[in-house]
C-alpha atoms as a PDB file:
ATOM      1  CA  MET A   1      73.604 123.653 120.505  1.00  0.00           C
ATOM      2  CA  THR A   2      70.937 123.369 117.800  1.00  0.00           C
ATOM      3  CA  THR A   3      71.644 121.948 114.370  1.00  0.00           C
ATOM      4  CA  ASN A   4      71.403 125.400 112.818  1.00  0.00           C
ATOM      5  CA  ASP A   5      73.852 126.745 115.420  1.00  0.00           C
ATOM      6  CA  ALA A   6      76.231 123.890 114.609  1.00  0.00           C
ATOM      7  CA  CYS A   7      76.021 124.679 110.903  1.00  0.00           C
ATOM      8  CA  GLN A   8      76.738 128.329 111.616  1.00  0.00           C
ATOM      9  CA  SER A   9      79.737 127.262 113.693  1.00  0.00           C
ATOM     10  CA  LEU A  10      81.018 125.111 110.838  1.00  0.00           C
ATOM     11  CA  MET A  11      80.505 127.965 108.399  1.00  0.00           C
ATOM     12  CA  SER A  12      82.824 130.041 110.561  1.00  0.00           C
ATOM     13  CA  ALA A  13      85.294 127.168 110.144  1.00  0.00           C
ATOM     14  CA  LYS A  14      84.945 127.578 106.365  1.00  0.00           C
ATOM     15  CA  LEU A  15      82.470 125.001 105.124  1.00  0.00           C
ATOM     16  CA  ALA A  16      82.106 124.299 101.390  1.00  0.00           C
ATOM     17  CA  PHE A  17      80.109 121.853  99.295  1.00  0.00           C
ATOM     18  CA  VAL A  18      81.686 119.746  96.561  1.00  0.00           C
ATOM     19  CA  ILE A  19      79.227 118.314  94.041  1.00  0.00           C
ATOM     20  CA  ALA A  20      80.553 115.248  92.196  1.00  0.00           C
ATOM     21  CA  ALA A  21      78.942 115.421  88.746  1.00  0.00           C
ATOM     22  CA  ALA A  22      81.667 114.354  86.307  1.00  0.00           C
ATOM     23  CA  GLY A  23      80.387 110.843  85.632  1.00  0.00           C
ATOM     24  CA  ARG A  24      79.311 109.841  82.138  1.00  0.00           C
ATOM     25  CA  GLY A  25      75.928 108.420  83.158  1.00  0.00           C
ATOM     26  CA  CYS A  26      76.561 105.211  81.213  1.00  0.00           C
ATOM     27  CA  ARG A  27      73.921 103.192  83.036  1.00  0.00           C
ATOM     28  CA  VAL A  28      71.278 105.845  82.360  1.00  0.00           C
ATOM     29  CA  GLY A  29      72.318 106.112  78.710  1.00  0.00           C
ATOM     30  CA  VAL A  30      72.286 109.926  78.655  1.00  0.00           C
ATOM     31  CA  ASP A  31      73.955 112.784  80.485  1.00  0.00           C
ATOM     32  CA  LYS A  32      71.885 112.370  83.626  1.00  0.00           C
ATOM     33  CA  MET A  33      72.945 115.727  85.057  1.00  0.00           C
ATOM     34  CA  SER A  34      71.144 117.437  82.158  1.00  0.00           C
ATOM     35  CA  GLU A  35      67.934 115.432  82.485  1.00  0.00           C
ATOM     36  CA  ARG A  36      64.914 117.603  83.285  1.00  0.00           C
ATOM     37  CA  LEU A  37      63.048 117.331  86.567  1.00  0.00           C
ATOM     38  CA  GLY A  38      60.233 119.736  85.930  1.00  0.00           C
ATOM     39  CA  ASP A  39      61.703 123.107  85.014  1.00  0.00           C
ATOM     40  CA  ARG A  40      65.189 122.324  86.377  1.00  0.00           C
ATOM     41  CA  THR A  41      67.933 119.890  85.464  1.00  0.00           C
ATOM     42  CA  VAL A  42      69.144 117.209  87.859  1.00  0.00           C
ATOM     43  CA  LEU A  43      72.343 119.119  88.625  1.00  0.00           C
ATOM     44  CA  GLU A  44      70.540 122.421  89.129  1.00  0.00           C
ATOM     45  CA  MET A  45      68.168 120.768  91.606  1.00  0.00           C
ATOM     46  CA  THR A  46      71.098 119.205  93.456  1.00  0.00           C
ATOM     47  CA  VAL A  47      72.880 122.542  93.780  1.00  0.00           C
ATOM     48  CA  ASP A  48      69.626 124.164  94.889  1.00  0.00           C
ATOM     49  CA  ALA A  49      69.173 121.447  97.529  1.00  0.00           C
ATOM     50  CA  VAL A  50      72.542 121.977  99.202  1.00  0.00           C
ATOM     51  CA  ARG A  51      72.203 125.749  98.997  1.00  0.00           C
ATOM     52  CA  ALA A  52      68.800 125.568 100.676  1.00  0.00           C
ATOM     53  CA  ALA A  53      70.328 123.651 103.588  1.00  0.00           C
ATOM     54  CA  VAL A  54      73.241 125.979 104.296  1.00  0.00           C
ATOM     55  CA  PRO A  55      72.950 129.181 102.255  1.00  0.00           C
ATOM     56  CA  SER A  56      75.854 131.431 101.320  1.00  0.00           C
ATOM     57  CA  VAL A  57      78.686 128.868 101.520  1.00  0.00           C
ATOM     58  CA  PRO A  58      80.791 128.094  98.427  1.00  0.00           C
ATOM     59  CA  VAL A  59      79.718 125.276  96.122  1.00  0.00           C
ATOM     60  CA  VAL A  60      82.239 123.609  93.799  1.00  0.00           C
ATOM     61  CA  ALA A  61      80.569 121.576  91.044  1.00  0.00           C
ATOM     62  CA  VAL A  62      82.911 119.089  89.365  1.00  0.00           C
ATOM     63  CA  VAL A  63      81.703 118.180  85.870  1.00  0.00           C
ATOM     64  CA  GLY A  64      82.951 116.396  82.753  1.00  0.00           C
ATOM     65  CA  PRO A  65      85.130 118.263  80.237  1.00  0.00           C
ATOM     66  CA  ASP A  66      82.485 118.163  77.506  1.00  0.00           C
ATOM     67  CA  TRP A  67      79.972 119.976  79.682  1.00  0.00           C
ATOM     68  CA  VAL A  68      82.035 122.476  81.641  1.00  0.00           C
ATOM     69  CA  GLU A  69      81.303 125.609  79.607  1.00  0.00           C
ATOM     70  CA  GLY A  70      77.577 124.921  79.518  1.00  0.00           C
ATOM     71  CA  TRP A  71      77.407 124.319  83.258  1.00  0.00           C
ATOM     72  CA  ARG A  72      79.433 127.436  83.950  1.00  0.00           C
ATOM     73  CA  THR A  73      76.867 129.440  82.013  1.00  0.00           C
ATOM     74  CA  VAL A  74      73.968 127.856  83.903  1.00  0.00           C
ATOM     75  CA  LEU A  75      75.319 127.509  87.436  1.00  0.00           C
ATOM     76  CA  GLU A  76      77.803 130.345  87.874  1.00  0.00           C
ATOM     77  CA  SER A  77      75.414 132.923  86.449  1.00  0.00           C
ATOM     78  CA  ASP A  78      72.704 131.635  88.777  1.00  0.00           C
ATOM     79  CA  SER A  79      74.879 131.934  91.881  1.00  0.00           C
ATOM     80  CA  PRO A  80      78.083 133.931  92.312  1.00  0.00           C
ATOM     81  CA  ARG A  81      79.276 131.504  95.008  1.00  0.00           C
ATOM     82  CA  THR A  82      79.181 128.489  92.704  1.00  0.00           C
ATOM     83  CA  THR A  83      82.361 127.445  90.884  1.00  0.00           C
ATOM     84  CA  VAL A  84      82.349 124.874  88.069  1.00  0.00           C
ATOM     85  CA  ILE A  85      85.549 122.925  87.369  1.00  0.00           C
ATOM     86  CA  VAL A  86      86.574 119.987  85.180  1.00  0.00           C
ATOM     87  CA  GLY A  87      86.858 116.593  86.866  1.00  0.00           C
ATOM     88  CA  GLY A  88      89.326 113.759  86.400  1.00  0.00           C
ATOM     89  CA  PRO A  89      89.051 110.335  84.739  1.00  0.00           C
ATOM     90  CA  ARG A  90      87.800 108.662  87.947  1.00  0.00           C
ATOM     91  CA  ARG A  91      85.314 109.806  90.565  1.00  0.00           C
ATOM     92  CA  GLN A  92      87.937 109.896  93.335  1.00  0.00           C
ATOM     93  CA  GLU A  93      90.169 112.140  91.235  1.00  0.00           C
ATOM     94  CA  SER A  94      87.244 114.449  90.463  1.00  0.00           C
ATOM     95  CA  VAL A  95      86.425 114.704  94.151  1.00  0.00           C
ATOM     96  CA  ARG A  96      90.032 115.466  95.002  1.00  0.00           C
ATOM     97  CA  LEU A  97      90.092 118.279  92.439  1.00  0.00           C
ATOM     98  CA  GLY A  98      86.885 119.648  93.949  1.00  0.00           C
ATOM     99  CA  VAL A  99      88.225 119.493  97.491  1.00  0.00           C
ATOM    100  CA  GLU A 100      91.471 121.165  96.434  1.00  0.00           C
ATOM    101  CA  ARG A 101      89.496 124.016  94.866  1.00  0.00           C
ATOM    102  CA  ALA A 102      87.348 124.284  97.990  1.00  0.00           C
ATOM    103  CA  ALA A 103      90.524 124.470 100.093  1.00  0.00           C
ATOM    104  CA  GLU A 104      91.800 127.271  97.855  1.00  0.00           C
ATOM    105  CA  LEU A 105      88.580 129.097  98.705  1.00  0.00           C
ATOM    106  CA  GLY A 106      89.419 128.681 102.388  1.00  0.00           C
ATOM    107  CA  ALA A 107      87.365 125.595 103.262  1.00  0.00           C
ATOM    108  CA  GLU A 108      88.409 123.570 106.301  1.00  0.00           C
ATOM    109  CA  ILE A 109      85.381 121.255 106.153  1.00  0.00           C
ATOM    110  CA  VAL A 110      83.829 119.917 102.942  1.00  0.00           C
ATOM    111  CA  ALA A 111      80.477 118.255 102.353  1.00  0.00           C
ATOM    112  CA  ILE A 112      80.841 116.005  99.304  1.00  0.00           C
ATOM    113  CA  HIS A 113      77.543 115.222  97.582  1.00  0.00           C
ATOM    114  CA  ASP A 114      76.631 113.198  94.494  1.00  0.00           C
ATOM    115  CA  GLY A 115      75.198 115.343  91.725  1.00  0.00           C
ATOM    116  CA  ALA A 116      72.774 112.480  91.053  1.00  0.00           C
ATOM    117  CA  ARG A 117      71.024 112.874  94.439  1.00  0.00           C
ATOM    118  CA  PRO A 118      68.804 115.915  93.788  1.00  0.00           C
ATOM    119  CA  LEU A 119      66.193 115.153  96.472  1.00  0.00           C
ATOM    120  CA  VAL A 120      68.456 115.263  99.522  1.00  0.00           C
ATOM    121  CA  HIS A 121      66.592 116.989 102.354  1.00  0.00           C
ATOM    122  CA  SER A 122      67.911 120.124 104.061  1.00  0.00           C
ATOM    123  CA  HIS A 123      67.299 118.625 107.488  1.00  0.00           C
ATOM    124  CA  ASP A 124      69.462 115.585 106.717  1.00  0.00           C
ATOM    125  CA  ILE A 125      72.227 117.762 105.280  1.00  0.00           C
ATOM    126  CA  ARG A 126      72.358 119.851 108.438  1.00  0.00           C
ATOM    127  CA  ARG A 127      72.237 116.756 110.651  1.00  0.00           C
ATOM    128  CA  VAL A 128      75.241 115.129 108.982  1.00  0.00           C
ATOM    129  CA  ILE A 129      77.215 118.380 109.125  1.00  0.00           C
ATOM    130  CA  ASP A 130      76.382 118.671 112.814  1.00  0.00           C
ATOM    131  CA  ALA A 131      77.423 115.052 113.454  1.00  0.00           C
ATOM    132  CA  ILE A 132      81.087 115.301 112.495  1.00  0.00           C
ATOM    133  CA  GLY A 133      82.000 116.405 116.020  1.00  0.00           C
ATOM    134  CA  ASP A 134      85.441 115.064 116.894  1.00  0.00           C
ATOM    135  CA  ALA A 135      85.441 112.496 114.051  1.00  0.00           C
ATOM    136  CA  SER A 136      87.333 112.758 110.777  1.00  0.00           C
ATOM    137  CA  ALA A 137      84.109 112.409 108.809  1.00  0.00           C
ATOM    138  CA  ALA A 138      80.350 111.977 109.044  1.00  0.00           C
ATOM    139  CA  ILE A 139      78.281 110.351 106.317  1.00  0.00           C
ATOM    140  CA  LEU A 140      74.582 110.137 105.575  1.00  0.00           C
ATOM    141  CA  CYS A 141      73.353 106.527 105.518  1.00  0.00           C
ATOM    142  CA  ALA A 142      70.239 104.430 105.129  1.00  0.00           C
ATOM    143  CA  GLU A 143      69.170 101.511 107.285  1.00  0.00           C
ATOM    144  CA  ILE A 144      68.720  98.097 105.659  1.00  0.00           C
ATOM    145  CA  PHE A 145      65.327  96.460 106.118  1.00  0.00           C
ATOM    146  CA  ASP A 146      65.689  93.525 103.722  1.00  0.00           C
ATOM    147  CA  THR A 147      67.482  90.356 104.732  1.00  0.00           C
ATOM    148  CA  VAL A 148      71.068  90.430 103.429  1.00  0.00           C
ATOM    149  CA  LYS A 149      72.842  87.340 102.087  1.00  0.00           C
ATOM    150  CA  ARG A 150      76.531  86.902 101.310  1.00  0.00           C
ATOM    151  CA  ILE A 151      77.051  84.695  98.258  1.00  0.00           C
ATOM    152  CA  ASP A 152      79.954  83.070  96.413  1.00  0.00           C
ATOM    153  CA  ASN A 153      80.880  83.428  92.729  1.00  0.00           C
ATOM    154  CA  ASP A 154      78.265  80.825  91.787  1.00  0.00           C
ATOM    155  CA  GLY A 155      75.452  82.668  93.538  1.00  0.00           C
ATOM    156  CA  ILE A 156      75.287  80.194  96.424  1.00  0.00           C
ATOM    157  CA  VAL A 157      74.431  81.729  99.801  1.00  0.00           C
ATOM    158  CA  GLN A 158      77.324  81.509 102.247  1.00  0.00           C
ATOM    159  CA  GLU A 159      75.725  83.276 105.206  1.00  0.00           C
ATOM    160  CA  THR A 160      72.989  85.658 106.320  1.00  0.00           C
ATOM    161  CA  LEU A 161      74.405  88.925 107.634  1.00  0.00           C
ATOM    162  CA  ASP A 162      73.235  90.875 110.662  1.00  0.00           C
ATOM    163  CA  ARG A 163      71.513  93.810 108.993  1.00  0.00           C
ATOM    164  CA  GLY A 164      71.310  95.683 112.291  1.00  0.00           C
ATOM    165  CA  SER A 165      75.019  96.460 112.051  1.00  0.00           C
ATOM    166  CA  LEU A 166      74.928  97.351 108.342  1.00  0.00           C
ATOM    167  CA  ARG A 167      74.242 100.664 106.624  1.00  0.00           C
ATOM    168  CA  LEU A 168      73.998 101.838 103.021  1.00  0.00           C
ATOM    169  CA  ALA A 169      76.265 104.822 102.444  1.00  0.00           C
ATOM    170  CA  GLN A 170      74.715 107.893 100.854  1.00  0.00           C
ATOM    171  CA  THR A 171      75.805 111.509 100.512  1.00  0.00           C
ATOM    172  CA  PRO A 172      76.501 114.158 101.693  1.00  0.00           C
ATOM    173  CA  GLN A 173      79.689 112.904 103.282  1.00  0.00           C
ATOM    174  CA  VAL A 174      81.342 115.548 105.440  1.00  0.00           C
ATOM    175  CA  PHE A 175      85.108 115.615 105.967  1.00  0.00           C
ATOM    176  CA  ARG A 176      87.801 117.647 107.573  1.00  0.00           C
ATOM    177  CA  VAL A 177      89.962 118.821 104.679  1.00  0.00           C
ATOM    178  CA  ALA A 178      93.090 118.090 106.715  1.00  0.00           C
ATOM    179  CA  ALA A 179      92.011 114.446 107.157  1.00  0.00           C
ATOM    180  CA  LEU A 180      91.518 114.010 103.418  1.00  0.00           C
ATOM    181  CA  GLU A 181      94.842 115.644 102.619  1.00  0.00           C
ATOM    182  CA  THR A 182      96.622 113.349 105.075  1.00  0.00           C
ATOM    183  CA  ALA A 183      94.947 110.248 103.644  1.00  0.00           C
ATOM    184  CA  TRP A 184      95.824 111.243 100.088  1.00  0.00           C
ATOM    185  CA  ARG A 185      99.485 111.564 101.096  1.00  0.00           C
ATOM    186  CA  ARG A 186      99.640 108.236 102.928  1.00  0.00           C
ATOM    187  CA  GLN A 187      97.422 105.912 100.897  1.00  0.00           C
ATOM    188  CA  ASP A 188      98.025 104.255  97.531  1.00  0.00           C
ATOM    189  CA  LEU A 189      95.828 106.337  95.249  1.00  0.00           C
ATOM    190  CA  ARG A 190      96.031 103.757  92.483  1.00  0.00           C
ATOM    191  CA  HIS A 191      93.492 101.836  94.561  1.00  0.00           C
ATOM    192  CA  GLU A 192      89.844 102.330  93.590  1.00  0.00           C
ATOM    193  CA  TRP A 193      87.977 103.824  96.553  1.00  0.00           C
ATOM    194  CA  SER A 194      84.192 103.453  96.427  1.00  0.00           C
ATOM    195  CA  ASP A 195      83.876 106.685  98.376  1.00  0.00           C
ATOM    196  CA  GLU A 196      86.044 109.046 100.403  1.00  0.00           C
ATOM    197  CA  ALA A 197      84.768 107.528 103.642  1.00  0.00           C
ATOM    198  CA  ALA A 198      86.455 104.259 102.642  1.00  0.00           C
ATOM    199  CA  LEU A 199      89.698 106.176 102.090  1.00  0.00           C
ATOM    200  CA  ILE A 200      89.467 107.734 105.562  1.00  0.00           C
ATOM    201  CA  GLU A 201      88.667 104.340 107.103  1.00  0.00           C
ATOM    202  CA  ALA A 202      91.752 102.832 105.446  1.00  0.00           C
ATOM    203  CA  ASP A 203      93.839 105.647 106.881  1.00  0.00           C
ATOM    204  CA  GLY A 204      92.589 104.963 110.414  1.00  0.00           C
ATOM    205  CA  GLY A 205      90.161 107.867 110.692  1.00  0.00           C
ATOM    206  CA  ARG A 206      86.832 107.749 112.532  1.00  0.00           C
ATOM    207  CA  VAL A 207      83.724 107.954 110.328  1.00  0.00           C
ATOM    208  CA  ARG A 208      80.348 108.551 111.961  1.00  0.00           C
ATOM    209  CA  CYS A 209      77.091 107.376 110.307  1.00  0.00           C
ATOM    210  CA  VAL A 210      73.893 109.439 110.380  1.00  0.00           C
ATOM    211  CA  VAL A 211      70.685 107.690 109.283  1.00  0.00           C
ATOM    212  CA  ALA A 212      68.704 109.773 106.782  1.00  0.00           C
ATOM    213  CA  GLU A 213      65.168 110.675 107.808  1.00  0.00           C
ATOM    214  CA  HIS A 214      63.995 111.491 104.275  1.00  0.00           C
ATOM    215  CA  PRO A 215      64.208 109.784 100.863  1.00  0.00           C
ATOM    216  CA  ASN A 216      67.528 110.424  99.141  1.00  0.00           C
ATOM    217  CA  PRO A 217      67.565 108.293  95.969  1.00  0.00           C
ATOM    218  CA  LYS A 218      70.524 108.298  93.591  1.00  0.00           C
ATOM    219  CA  ILE A 219      69.877 108.392  89.854  1.00  0.00           C
ATOM    220  CA  THR A 220      71.898 105.510  88.418  1.00  0.00           C
ATOM    221  CA  THR A 221      69.472 103.778  86.011  1.00  0.00           C
ATOM    222  CA  PRO A 222      66.506 104.930  83.884  1.00  0.00           C
ATOM    223  CA  THR A 223      64.215 103.441  86.537  1.00  0.00           C
ATOM    224  CA  ASP A 224      65.839 105.633  89.188  1.00  0.00           C
ATOM    225  CA  LEU A 225      65.192 108.683  87.024  1.00  0.00           C
ATOM    226  CA  GLU A 226      61.509 107.819  86.744  1.00  0.00           C
ATOM    227  CA  LEU A 227      61.337 107.213  90.506  1.00  0.00           C
ATOM    228  CA  VAL A 228      62.744 110.664  91.228  1.00  0.00           C
ATOM    229  CA  ARG A 229      60.285 112.245  88.800  1.00  0.00           C
ATOM    230  CA  ALA A 230      57.441 110.399  90.518  1.00  0.00           C
ATOM    231  CA  LEU A 231      58.598 111.569  93.956  1.00  0.00           C
ATOM    232  CA  ILE A 232      58.767 115.156  92.749  1.00  0.00           C
ATOM    233  CA  GLY A 233      55.267 114.850  91.299  1.00  0.00           C
ATOM    234  CA  ARG A 234      53.825 113.950  94.680  1.00  0.00           C
ATOM    235  CA  HIS A 235      54.756 117.327  96.151  1.00  0.00           C
END
């Protein structure tokens, strides 16, 4: 089965995208979703990127309460299959709200993607969707090429880690909705999960890693924003 065939199969199983875009962008100092990348905003480019990979599936964009009406005007008018909703006080609560809305739309599999990763490549999106197989989840990752040190609270190196067995988690992260719903019922949701893959791991689910073949930077700092603009300018 080709990757495109696999994506078509998953679409028949009701695939949806959830875009996590409710953060305040504190480290950037502005609303990073509204920053311009050429003639489009960061969030518009992110939505365009996932739509380009698997057209015609629902997209749920989860945004902050101060921006919801503006994003509804921009995104929902641009695509009838995009729904904009208000997120919660923490990322994990925003994602849960997005997944619940996707489930209401009939989704059985969700691809959760950071709104601050506008350059994700269609090929990598389709690969990670294809990779879920019999696992509970599949996540896009990056290999580590620098030497990694574990330190103590005083900054003293305690050991050098085997980077060959380490990966940096990216998005999209693809999940079976049923696996997320089960984990939310069984786990202590007061805990701060760094991503939904960590939640599934804690609940005993299998998470498969797929190494990205294309740059997929996340805009977290002003330097990241300039990097993304530079990458766009090269094309």
